[in-house]
């Protein structure tokens, strides 16, 4: 799968950027969601994965 790396920041404000907050959530997604080729398949798998969290 495609894992993202979290950067280290000196300023606390940078931790609140959207891209920084998304990294940990992206890395927790199941491999089948991340590796889904077409956008339609990705969305369907993402919906399934998120529904399991609720």
PDB file of N, CA and C in Angstrom:
ATOM      1  N   UNK A   1       0.816  -1.189   0.000  1.00  0.00           N
ATOM      2  CA  UNK A   1       0.000   0.000   0.000  1.00  0.00           C
ATOM      3  C   UNK A   1       0.860   1.254   0.000  1.00  0.00           C
ATOM      4  N   UNK A   2       0.237   2.342  -0.146  1.00  0.00           N
ATOM      5  CA  UNK A   2       0.933   3.624  -0.139  1.00  0.00           C
ATOM      6  C   UNK A   2       0.831   4.245   1.243  1.00  0.00           C
ATOM      7  N   UNK A   3       1.937   4.271   1.961  1.00  0.00           N
ATOM      8  CA  UNK A   3       1.966   4.886   3.284  1.00  0.00           C
ATOM      9  C   UNK A   3       2.527   6.290   3.161  1.00  0.00           C
ATOM     10  N   UNK A   4       1.993   7.198   3.935  1.00  0.00           N
ATOM     11  CA  UNK A   4       2.471   8.573   3.961  1.00  0.00           C
ATOM     12  C   UNK A   4       3.318   8.765   5.209  1.00  0.00           C
ATOM     13  N   UNK A   5       4.299   9.644   5.125  1.00  0.00           N
ATOM     14  CA  UNK A   5       5.160   9.913   6.271  1.00  0.00           C
ATOM     15  C   UNK A   5       4.748  11.220   6.924  1.00  0.00           C
ATOM     16  N   UNK A   6       4.718  11.193   8.251  1.00  0.00           N
ATOM     17  CA  UNK A   6       4.423  12.409   8.996  1.00  0.00           C
ATOM     18  C   UNK A   6       5.722  13.176   9.178  1.00  0.00           C
ATOM     19  N   UNK A   7       5.665  14.467   8.916  1.00  0.00           N
ATOM     20  CA  UNK A   7       6.848  15.297   9.099  1.00  0.00           C
ATOM     21  C   UNK A   7       6.951  15.812  10.520  1.00  0.00           C
ATOM     22  N   UNK A   8       8.126  16.285  10.852  1.00  0.00           N
ATOM     23  CA  UNK A   8       8.332  16.906  12.165  1.00  0.00           C
ATOM     24  C   UNK A   8       8.286  18.411  11.971  1.00  0.00           C
ATOM     25  N   UNK A   9       7.555  19.068  12.824  1.00  0.00           N
ATOM     26  CA  UNK A   9       7.366  20.502  12.665  1.00  0.00           C
ATOM     27  C   UNK A   9       7.812  21.243  13.915  1.00  0.00           C
ATOM     28  N   UNK A  10       8.426  22.375  13.695  1.00  0.00           N
ATOM     29  CA  UNK A  10       8.860  23.206  14.814  1.00  0.00           C
ATOM     30  C   UNK A  10       7.716  24.063  15.334  1.00  0.00           C
ATOM     31  N   UNK A  11       6.834  24.442  14.453  1.00  0.00           N
ATOM     32  CA  UNK A  11       5.729  25.300  14.862  1.00  0.00           C
ATOM     33  C   UNK A  11       4.473  24.479  15.093  1.00  0.00           C
ATOM     34  N   UNK A  12       3.822  24.722  16.186  1.00  0.00           N
ATOM     35  CA  UNK A  12       2.599  23.995  16.543  1.00  0.00           C
ATOM     36  C   UNK A  12       1.492  24.227  15.519  1.00  0.00           C
ATOM     37  N   UNK A  13       1.457  25.395  14.885  1.00  0.00           N
ATOM     38  CA  UNK A  13       0.385  25.726  13.940  1.00  0.00           C
ATOM     39  C   UNK A  13       0.388  24.803  12.723  1.00  0.00           C
ATOM     40  N   UNK A  14       1.546  24.320  12.319  1.00  0.00           N
ATOM     41  CA  UNK A  14       1.625  23.456  11.136  1.00  0.00           C
ATOM     42  C   UNK A  14       0.918  22.125  11.360  1.00  0.00           C
ATOM     43  N   UNK A  15       0.782  21.697  12.593  1.00  0.00           N
ATOM     44  CA  UNK A  15       0.121  20.429  12.897  1.00  0.00           C
ATOM     45  C   UNK A  15      -1.367  20.479  12.593  1.00  0.00           C
ATOM     46  N   UNK A  16      -1.899  21.670  12.411  1.00  0.00           N
ATOM     47  CA  UNK A  16      -3.332  21.817  12.176  1.00  0.00           C
ATOM     48  C   UNK A  16      -3.688  21.856  10.694  1.00  0.00           C
ATOM     49  N   UNK A  17      -2.702  21.802   9.819  1.00  0.00           N
ATOM     50  CA  UNK A  17      -2.979  21.795   8.386  1.00  0.00           C
ATOM     51  C   UNK A  17      -3.706  20.513   8.008  1.00  0.00           C
ATOM     52  N   UNK A  18      -4.575  20.597   7.015  1.00  0.00           N
ATOM     53  CA  UNK A  18      -5.362  19.445   6.569  1.00  0.00           C
ATOM     54  C   UNK A  18      -4.471  18.265   6.195  1.00  0.00           C
ATOM     55  N   UNK A  19      -3.430  18.523   5.418  1.00  0.00           N
ATOM     56  CA  UNK A  19      -2.583  17.427   4.934  1.00  0.00           C
ATOM     57  C   UNK A  19      -1.889  16.702   6.071  1.00  0.00           C
ATOM     58  N   UNK A  20      -1.485  17.417   7.099  1.00  0.00           N
ATOM     59  CA  UNK A  20      -0.818  16.793   8.237  1.00  0.00           C
ATOM     60  C   UNK A  20      -1.801  15.929   9.016  1.00  0.00           C
ATOM     61  N   UNK A  21      -3.015  16.406   9.195  1.00  0.00           N
ATOM     62  CA  UNK A  21      -4.017  15.650   9.936  1.00  0.00           C
ATOM     63  C   UNK A  21      -4.494  14.406   9.219  1.00  0.00           C
ATOM     64  N   UNK A  22      -4.402  14.406   7.904  1.00  0.00           N
ATOM     65  CA  UNK A  22      -4.898  13.293   7.099  1.00  0.00           C
ATOM     66  C   UNK A  22      -3.929  12.112   7.088  1.00  0.00           C
ATOM     67  N   UNK A  23      -2.647  12.363   7.295  1.00  0.00           N
ATOM     68  CA  UNK A  23      -1.634  11.314   7.182  1.00  0.00           C
ATOM     69  C   UNK A  23      -1.944  10.127   8.084  1.00  0.00           C
ATOM     70  N   UNK A  24      -2.217  10.363   9.345  1.00  0.00           N
ATOM     71  CA  UNK A  24      -2.464   9.241  10.258  1.00  0.00           C
ATOM     72  C   UNK A  24      -3.738   8.488   9.882  1.00  0.00           C
ATOM     73  N   UNK A  25      -4.757   9.208   9.425  1.00  0.00           N
ATOM     74  CA  UNK A  25      -5.994   8.544   9.007  1.00  0.00           C
ATOM     75  C   UNK A  25      -5.765   7.715   7.743  1.00  0.00           C
ATOM     76  N   UNK A  26      -5.023   8.256   6.786  1.00  0.00           N
ATOM     77  CA  UNK A  26      -4.738   7.543   5.537  1.00  0.00           C
ATOM     78  C   UNK A  26      -3.993   6.248   5.827  1.00  0.00           C
ATOM     79  N   UNK A  27      -3.007   6.303   6.705  1.00  0.00           N
ATOM     80  CA  UNK A  27      -2.194   5.126   7.007  1.00  0.00           C
ATOM     81  C   UNK A  27      -2.976   4.049   7.750  1.00  0.00           C
ATOM     82  N   UNK A  28      -4.096   4.406   8.351  1.00  0.00           N
ATOM     83  CA  UNK A  28      -4.924   3.410   9.039  1.00  0.00           C
ATOM     84  C   UNK A  28      -5.946   2.745   8.127  1.00  0.00           C
ATOM     85  N   UNK A  29      -6.090   3.242   6.907  1.00  0.00           N
ATOM     86  CA  UNK A  29      -7.056   2.645   5.981  1.00  0.00           C
ATOM     87  C   UNK A  29      -6.609   1.246   5.570  1.00  0.00           C
ATOM     88  N   UNK A  30      -7.555   0.338   5.356  1.00  0.00           N
ATOM     89  CA  UNK A  30      -7.197  -1.001   4.885  1.00  0.00           C
ATOM     90  C   UNK A  30      -6.520  -0.934   3.511  1.00  0.00           C
ATOM     91  N   UNK A  31      -5.644  -1.893   3.250  1.00  0.00           N
ATOM     92  CA  UNK A  31      -4.892  -1.936   1.988  1.00  0.00           C
ATOM     93  C   UNK A  31      -5.825  -1.969   0.781  1.00  0.00           C
ATOM     94  N   UNK A  32      -6.950  -2.665   0.891  1.00  0.00           N
ATOM     95  CA  UNK A  32      -7.882  -2.758  -0.244  1.00  0.00           C
ATOM     96  C   UNK A  32      -8.469  -1.398  -0.619  1.00  0.00           C
ATOM     97  N   UNK A  33      -8.575  -0.499   0.347  1.00  0.00           N
ATOM     98  CA  UNK A  33      -9.088   0.845   0.067  1.00  0.00           C
ATOM     99  C   UNK A  33      -8.027   1.672  -0.644  1.00  0.00           C
ATOM    100  N   UNK A  34      -6.823   1.671  -0.122  1.00  0.00           N
ATOM    101  CA  UNK A  34      -5.731   2.484  -0.671  1.00  0.00           C
ATOM    102  C   UNK A  34      -5.346   2.027  -2.073  1.00  0.00           C
ATOM    103  N   UNK A  35      -5.375   0.726  -2.313  1.00  0.00           N
ATOM    104  CA  UNK A  35      -4.946   0.179  -3.606  1.00  0.00           C
ATOM    105  C   UNK A  35      -6.048   0.147  -4.655  1.00  0.00           C
ATOM    106  N   UNK A  36      -7.236   0.648  -4.348  1.00  0.00           N
ATOM    107  CA  UNK A  36      -8.344   0.633  -5.308  1.00  0.00           C
ATOM    108  C   UNK A  36      -8.012   1.550  -6.490  1.00  0.00           C
ATOM    109  N   UNK A  37      -7.935   1.007  -7.720  1.00  0.00           N
ATOM    110  CA  UNK A  37      -7.517   1.816  -8.870  1.00  0.00           C
ATOM    111  C   UNK A  37      -8.504   2.921  -9.286  1.00  0.00           C
ATOM    112  N   UNK A  38      -9.722   2.600  -9.700  1.00  0.00           N
ATOM    113  CA  UNK A  38     -10.616   3.678 -10.138  1.00  0.00           C
ATOM    114  C   UNK A  38     -11.217   4.426  -8.943  1.00  0.00           C
ATOM    115  N   UNK A  39     -11.521   5.684  -9.135  1.00  0.00           N
ATOM    116  CA  UNK A  39     -12.077   6.516  -8.071  1.00  0.00           C
ATOM    117  C   UNK A  39     -13.392   5.951  -7.545  1.00  0.00           C
ATOM    118  N   UNK A  40     -14.216   5.418  -8.427  1.00  0.00           N
ATOM    119  CA  UNK A  40     -15.510   4.862  -8.014  1.00  0.00           C
ATOM    120  C   UNK A  40     -15.306   3.691  -7.047  1.00  0.00           C
ATOM    121  N   UNK A  41     -14.339   2.834  -7.347  1.00  0.00           N
ATOM    122  CA  UNK A  41     -14.041   1.690  -6.477  1.00  0.00           C
ATOM    123  C   UNK A  41     -13.460   2.184  -5.152  1.00  0.00           C
ATOM    124  N   UNK A  42     -12.567   3.173  -5.233  1.00  0.00           N
ATOM    125  CA  UNK A  42     -11.974   3.745  -4.020  1.00  0.00           C
ATOM    126  C   UNK A  42     -13.059   4.275  -3.089  1.00  0.00           C
ATOM    127  N   UNK A  43     -14.004   5.030  -3.646  1.00  0.00           N
ATOM    128  CA  UNK A  43     -15.076   5.610  -2.831  1.00  0.00           C
ATOM    129  C   UNK A  43     -15.932   4.528  -2.186  1.00  0.00           C
ATOM    130  N   UNK A  44     -16.252   3.491  -2.935  1.00  0.00           N
ATOM    131  CA  UNK A  44     -17.075   2.402  -2.397  1.00  0.00           C
ATOM    132  C   UNK A  44     -16.342   1.689  -1.259  1.00  0.00           C
ATOM    133  N   UNK A  45     -15.054   1.418  -1.458  1.00  0.00           N
ATOM    134  CA  UNK A  45     -14.277   0.729  -0.420  1.00  0.00           C
ATOM    135  C   UNK A  45     -14.055   1.627   0.793  1.00  0.00           C
ATOM    136  N   UNK A  46     -13.871   2.912   0.546  1.00  0.00           N
ATOM    137  CA  UNK A  46     -13.699   3.855   1.651  1.00  0.00           C
ATOM    138  C   UNK A  46     -14.977   3.927   2.480  1.00  0.00           C
ATOM    139  N   UNK A  47     -16.125   3.986   1.821  1.00  0.00           N
ATOM    140  CA  UNK A  47     -17.407   4.005   2.536  1.00  0.00           C
ATOM    141  C   UNK A  47     -17.568   2.769   3.412  1.00  0.00           C
ATOM    142  N   UNK A  48     -17.197   1.601   2.867  1.00  0.00           N
ATOM    143  CA  UNK A  48     -17.290   0.358   3.641  1.00  0.00           C
ATOM    144  C   UNK A  48     -16.366   0.400   4.851  1.00  0.00           C
ATOM    145  N   UNK A  49     -15.133   0.860   4.638  1.00  0.00           N
ATOM    146  CA  UNK A  49     -14.158   0.911   5.731  1.00  0.00           C
ATOM    147  C   UNK A  49     -14.604   1.887   6.818  1.00  0.00           C
ATOM    148  N   UNK A  50     -15.135   3.034   6.414  1.00  0.00           N
ATOM    149  CA  UNK A  50     -15.574   4.030   7.390  1.00  0.00           C
ATOM    150  C   UNK A  50     -16.821   3.580   8.144  1.00  0.00           C
ATOM    151  N   UNK A  51     -17.695   2.830   7.475  1.00  0.00           N
ATOM    152  CA  UNK A  51     -18.906   2.360   8.153  1.00  0.00           C
ATOM    153  C   UNK A  51     -18.570   1.355   9.256  1.00  0.00           C
ATOM    154  N   UNK A  52     -17.449   0.668   9.127  1.00  0.00           N
ATOM    155  CA  UNK A  52     -17.021  -0.277  10.163  1.00  0.00           C
ATOM    156  C   UNK A  52     -16.509   0.448  11.402  1.00  0.00           C
ATOM    157  N   UNK A  53     -16.083   1.697  11.230  1.00  0.00           N
ATOM    158  CA  UNK A  53     -15.570   2.473  12.361  1.00  0.00           C
ATOM    159  C   UNK A  53     -16.685   3.065  13.213  1.00  0.00           C
ATOM    160  N   UNK A  54     -17.860   3.229  12.618  1.00  0.00           N
ATOM    161  CA  UNK A  54     -18.963   3.890  13.333  1.00  0.00           C
ATOM    162  C   UNK A  54     -19.772   2.936  14.132  1.00  0.00           C
TER     163      UNK A  54
END
